[in-house]
Each structure stands twice: as structure tokens, then as C-alpha cells.
Amino acid sequence: MTCQAHSVTLVLIARIPPEGIEAFRAYEDAVLPLLPSFNGRVERRLRNPDGTIEVHIVSFASDADFQDYRNDPRRLAQAGLLEKSSAKLELLSMADVSQWPVTSAQGWSTAQ
């Protein structure tokens, strides 16, 4: 089995200026429904009270599915909304602690 056959869990942290919240939500409304087409799903979606920070936990069946989602023309067509929102995004690749120790291709290891 290759590394691409392993599921992928990602955490997205979005910091959205108040004036960008409407555009960011419109972007999400357009792109999140695409996830199932790429074997992806939102595990959790969290938002602070004023809507300026969102955290998404998203999973895909494989890294190839995630890359296909990222390159999908329907998703890319919505990039203007994301840009208009001026959201600052941080995307983290994560692993379930029940699967530790984990070593990634980037060379980090959870083993101390």
C-alpha cells in the first residue's frame, strides 16, 4: 500500500476580517458541498462568536483525493470570493493520536 492510500486529515484555521465575513461564507457555501465528490467530508466546523475565526477539520480518503479537490475548476472558480474576504488561512496536516508515532514525508516525527 502506498502513502497515497492513507486517509488525510486537515485542519484549516481561517482568520477573517469583519468586512470579509460575508464573502468568506459565500466561498464556503460554494466549495464545501464539493467535498463528497472527492471522498472528502467536514468532520467539524467551528466558529467564534463574532465570525472572525473559523476552524475546519476535514478528511479525505487519500492525498490524491485532496489534490483533486484543490485543483477542481468549480473550486478554483470561487477564488475571487476567498480573495475578496481577505481571510488569512493556515492549513495543517494532522494525524489521529491513536495512530502515533507518525512520521511524515516532511521528516517530523511525534516520537520524542
C-alpha atoms as a PDB file:
ATOM      1  CA  MET A   1       0.000   0.000   0.000  1.00  0.00           C
ATOM      2  CA  THR A   2       1.337   3.439  -0.933  1.00  0.00           C
ATOM      3  CA  CYS A   3       1.214   6.575   1.218  1.00  0.00           C
ATOM      4  CA  GLN A   4      -1.475   7.989  -1.060  1.00  0.00           C
ATOM      5  CA  ALA A   5      -3.849   5.212   0.057  1.00  0.00           C
ATOM      6  CA  HIS A   6      -3.870   6.577   3.623  1.00  0.00           C
ATOM      7  CA  SER A   7      -6.606   8.943   4.681  1.00  0.00           C
ATOM      8  CA  VAL A   8      -5.726  12.603   5.132  1.00  0.00           C
ATOM      9  CA  THR A   9      -6.944  14.809   7.968  1.00  0.00           C
ATOM     10  CA  LEU A  10      -6.519  18.556   7.668  1.00  0.00           C
ATOM     11  CA  VAL A  11      -7.205  21.458   9.992  1.00  0.00           C
ATOM     12  CA  LEU A  12      -7.921  24.811   8.417  1.00  0.00           C
ATOM     13  CA  ILE A  13      -7.717  27.910  10.599  1.00  0.00           C
ATOM     14  CA  ALA A  14      -9.235  30.959   8.917  1.00  0.00           C
ATOM     15  CA  ARG A  15      -8.834  34.445  10.342  1.00  0.00           C
ATOM     16  CA  ILE A  16     -11.363  36.688   8.624  1.00  0.00           C
ATOM     17  CA  PRO A  17     -11.587  40.455   8.952  1.00  0.00           C
ATOM     18  CA  PRO A  18     -15.116  41.596   9.873  1.00  0.00           C
ATOM     19  CA  GLU A  19     -15.631  43.171   6.452  1.00  0.00           C
ATOM     20  CA  GLY A  20     -14.741  39.853   4.766  1.00  0.00           C
ATOM     21  CA  ILE A  21     -17.126  37.555   6.623  1.00  0.00           C
ATOM     22  CA  GLU A  22     -19.899  37.694   4.005  1.00  0.00           C
ATOM     23  CA  ALA A  23     -17.525  36.851   1.134  1.00  0.00           C
ATOM     24  CA  PHE A  24     -15.864  34.067   3.144  1.00  0.00           C
ATOM     25  CA  ARG A  25     -19.221  32.453   3.927  1.00  0.00           C
ATOM     26  CA  ALA A  26     -20.249  32.707   0.283  1.00  0.00           C
ATOM     27  CA  TYR A  27     -16.985  30.968  -0.646  1.00  0.00           C
ATOM     28  CA  GLU A  28     -17.644  28.189   1.876  1.00  0.00           C
ATOM     29  CA  ASP A  29     -21.217  27.790   0.636  1.00  0.00           C
ATOM     30  CA  ALA A  30     -19.831  27.237  -2.860  1.00  0.00           C
ATOM     31  CA  VAL A  31     -16.889  24.916  -2.136  1.00  0.00           C
ATOM     32  CA  LEU A  32     -17.797  22.791   0.886  1.00  0.00           C
ATOM     33  CA  PRO A  33     -20.590  20.947  -0.995  1.00  0.00           C
ATOM     34  CA  LEU A  34     -17.912  19.733  -3.443  1.00  0.00           C
ATOM     35  CA  LEU A  35     -16.107  17.669  -0.784  1.00  0.00           C
ATOM     36  CA  PRO A  36     -18.139  14.434  -1.156  1.00  0.00           C
ATOM     37  CA  SER A  37     -17.292  14.352  -4.878  1.00  0.00           C
ATOM     38  CA  PHE A  38     -13.654  13.895  -3.818  1.00  0.00           C
ATOM     39  CA  ASN A  39     -14.163  11.438  -0.944  1.00  0.00           C
ATOM     40  CA  GLY A  40     -13.914  14.340   1.490  1.00  0.00           C
ATOM     41  CA  ARG A  41     -16.023  15.450   4.407  1.00  0.00           C
ATOM     42  CA  VAL A  42     -16.175  18.110   7.080  1.00  0.00           C
ATOM     43  CA  GLU A  43     -15.598  16.389  10.414  1.00  0.00           C
ATOM     44  CA  ARG A  44     -16.063  19.571  12.483  1.00  0.00           C
ATOM     45  CA  ARG A  45     -16.677  23.210  11.658  1.00  0.00           C
ATOM     46  CA  LEU A  46     -16.216  25.722  14.442  1.00  0.00           C
ATOM     47  CA  ARG A  47     -16.684  29.487  14.510  1.00  0.00           C
ATOM     48  CA  ASN A  48     -16.060  32.092  17.200  1.00  0.00           C
ATOM     49  CA  PRO A  49     -18.985  34.319  18.282  1.00  0.00           C
ATOM     50  CA  ASP A  50     -18.154  37.265  16.023  1.00  0.00           C
ATOM     51  CA  GLY A  51     -17.393  35.092  12.969  1.00  0.00           C
ATOM     52  CA  THR A  52     -13.819  36.275  12.527  1.00  0.00           C
ATOM     53  CA  ILE A  53     -12.198  32.883  13.197  1.00  0.00           C
ATOM     54  CA  GLU A  54     -13.238  29.528  11.794  1.00  0.00           C
ATOM     55  CA  VAL A  55     -11.657  26.139  12.288  1.00  0.00           C
ATOM     56  CA  HIS A  56     -12.486  23.250   9.996  1.00  0.00           C
ATOM     57  CA  ILE A  57     -11.429  19.648  10.461  1.00  0.00           C
ATOM     58  CA  VAL A  58     -11.693  17.969   7.076  1.00  0.00           C
ATOM     59  CA  SER A  59     -10.791  14.463   5.941  1.00  0.00           C
ATOM     60  CA  PHE A  60     -10.172  12.864   2.566  1.00  0.00           C
ATOM     61  CA  ALA A  61      -9.795   9.198   1.681  1.00  0.00           C
ATOM     62  CA  SER A  62      -6.358   9.933   0.191  1.00  0.00           C
ATOM     63  CA  ASP A  63      -3.941  12.721  -0.605  1.00  0.00           C
ATOM     64  CA  ALA A  64      -4.813  12.241  -4.281  1.00  0.00           C
ATOM     65  CA  ASP A  65      -8.466  12.998  -3.463  1.00  0.00           C
ATOM     66  CA  PHE A  66      -7.404  16.141  -1.600  1.00  0.00           C
ATOM     67  CA  GLN A  67      -5.242  17.288  -4.528  1.00  0.00           C
ATOM     68  CA  ASP A  68      -8.097  16.629  -6.957  1.00  0.00           C
ATOM     69  CA  TYR A  69     -10.388  18.770  -4.767  1.00  0.00           C
ATOM     70  CA  ARG A  70      -7.826  21.588  -4.634  1.00  0.00           C
ATOM     71  CA  ASN A  71      -7.486  21.552  -8.420  1.00  0.00           C
ATOM     72  CA  ASP A  72     -11.186  21.249  -9.235  1.00  0.00           C
ATOM     73  CA  PRO A  73     -12.256  24.002 -11.668  1.00  0.00           C
ATOM     74  CA  ARG A  74     -15.503  24.601  -9.730  1.00  0.00           C
ATOM     75  CA  ARG A  75     -13.493  25.315  -6.587  1.00  0.00           C
ATOM     76  CA  LEU A  76     -10.931  27.417  -8.421  1.00  0.00           C
ATOM     77  CA  ALA A  77     -13.739  29.491  -9.957  1.00  0.00           C
ATOM     78  CA  GLN A  78     -14.631  30.696  -6.445  1.00  0.00           C
ATOM     79  CA  ALA A  79     -11.136  32.007  -5.660  1.00  0.00           C
ATOM     80  CA  GLY A  80     -12.327  35.586  -6.136  1.00  0.00           C
ATOM     81  CA  LEU A  81     -14.657  35.254  -3.143  1.00  0.00           C
ATOM     82  CA  LEU A  82     -11.838  33.955  -0.974  1.00  0.00           C
ATOM     83  CA  GLU A  83      -9.574  36.774  -2.107  1.00  0.00           C
ATOM     84  CA  LYS A  84     -12.338  39.344  -1.512  1.00  0.00           C
ATOM     85  CA  SER A  85     -12.718  38.047   2.054  1.00  0.00           C
ATOM     86  CA  SER A  86      -9.048  38.830   2.827  1.00  0.00           C
ATOM     87  CA  ALA A  87      -9.050  35.752   5.058  1.00  0.00           C
ATOM     88  CA  LYS A  88      -5.690  34.562   6.339  1.00  0.00           C
ATOM     89  CA  LEU A  89      -5.586  30.777   6.098  1.00  0.00           C
ATOM     90  CA  GLU A  90      -3.435  28.220   7.857  1.00  0.00           C
ATOM     91  CA  LEU A  91      -3.698  24.618   6.658  1.00  0.00           C
ATOM     92  CA  LEU A  92      -2.241  21.871   8.839  1.00  0.00           C
ATOM     93  CA  SER A  93      -1.928  18.185   8.015  1.00  0.00           C
ATOM     94  CA  MET A  94      -2.770  16.227  11.160  1.00  0.00           C
ATOM     95  CA  ALA A  95      -2.868  12.642  12.392  1.00  0.00           C
ATOM     96  CA  ASP A  96      -5.121  10.967  14.923  1.00  0.00           C
ATOM     97  CA  VAL A  97      -3.143  10.452  18.141  1.00  0.00           C
ATOM     98  CA  SER A  98      -4.352   6.853  18.250  1.00  0.00           C
ATOM     99  CA  GLN A  99      -2.131   6.298  15.184  1.00  0.00           C
ATOM    100  CA  TRP A 100       1.086   7.677  16.768  1.00  0.00           C
ATOM    101  CA  PRO A 101       4.015   7.650  16.406  1.00  0.00           C
ATOM    102  CA  VAL A 102       3.636   9.221  12.970  1.00  0.00           C
ATOM    103  CA  THR A 103       6.425  10.178  10.614  1.00  0.00           C
ATOM    104  CA  SER A 104       5.524  12.362   7.649  1.00  0.00           C
ATOM    105  CA  ALA A 105       7.243  12.916   4.348  1.00  0.00           C
ATOM    106  CA  GLN A 106       8.355  16.306   5.706  1.00  0.00           C
ATOM    107  CA  GLY A 107      10.557  14.498   8.209  1.00  0.00           C
ATOM    108  CA  TRP A 108       8.885  15.329  11.518  1.00  0.00           C
ATOM    109  CA  SER A 109       8.117  12.611  13.988  1.00  0.00           C
ATOM    110  CA  THR A 110       5.860  12.553  17.001  1.00  0.00           C
ATOM    111  CA  ALA A 111       8.219  10.173  18.818  1.00  0.00           C
ATOM    112  CA  GLN A 112      10.329  12.042  21.394  1.00  0.00           C
END
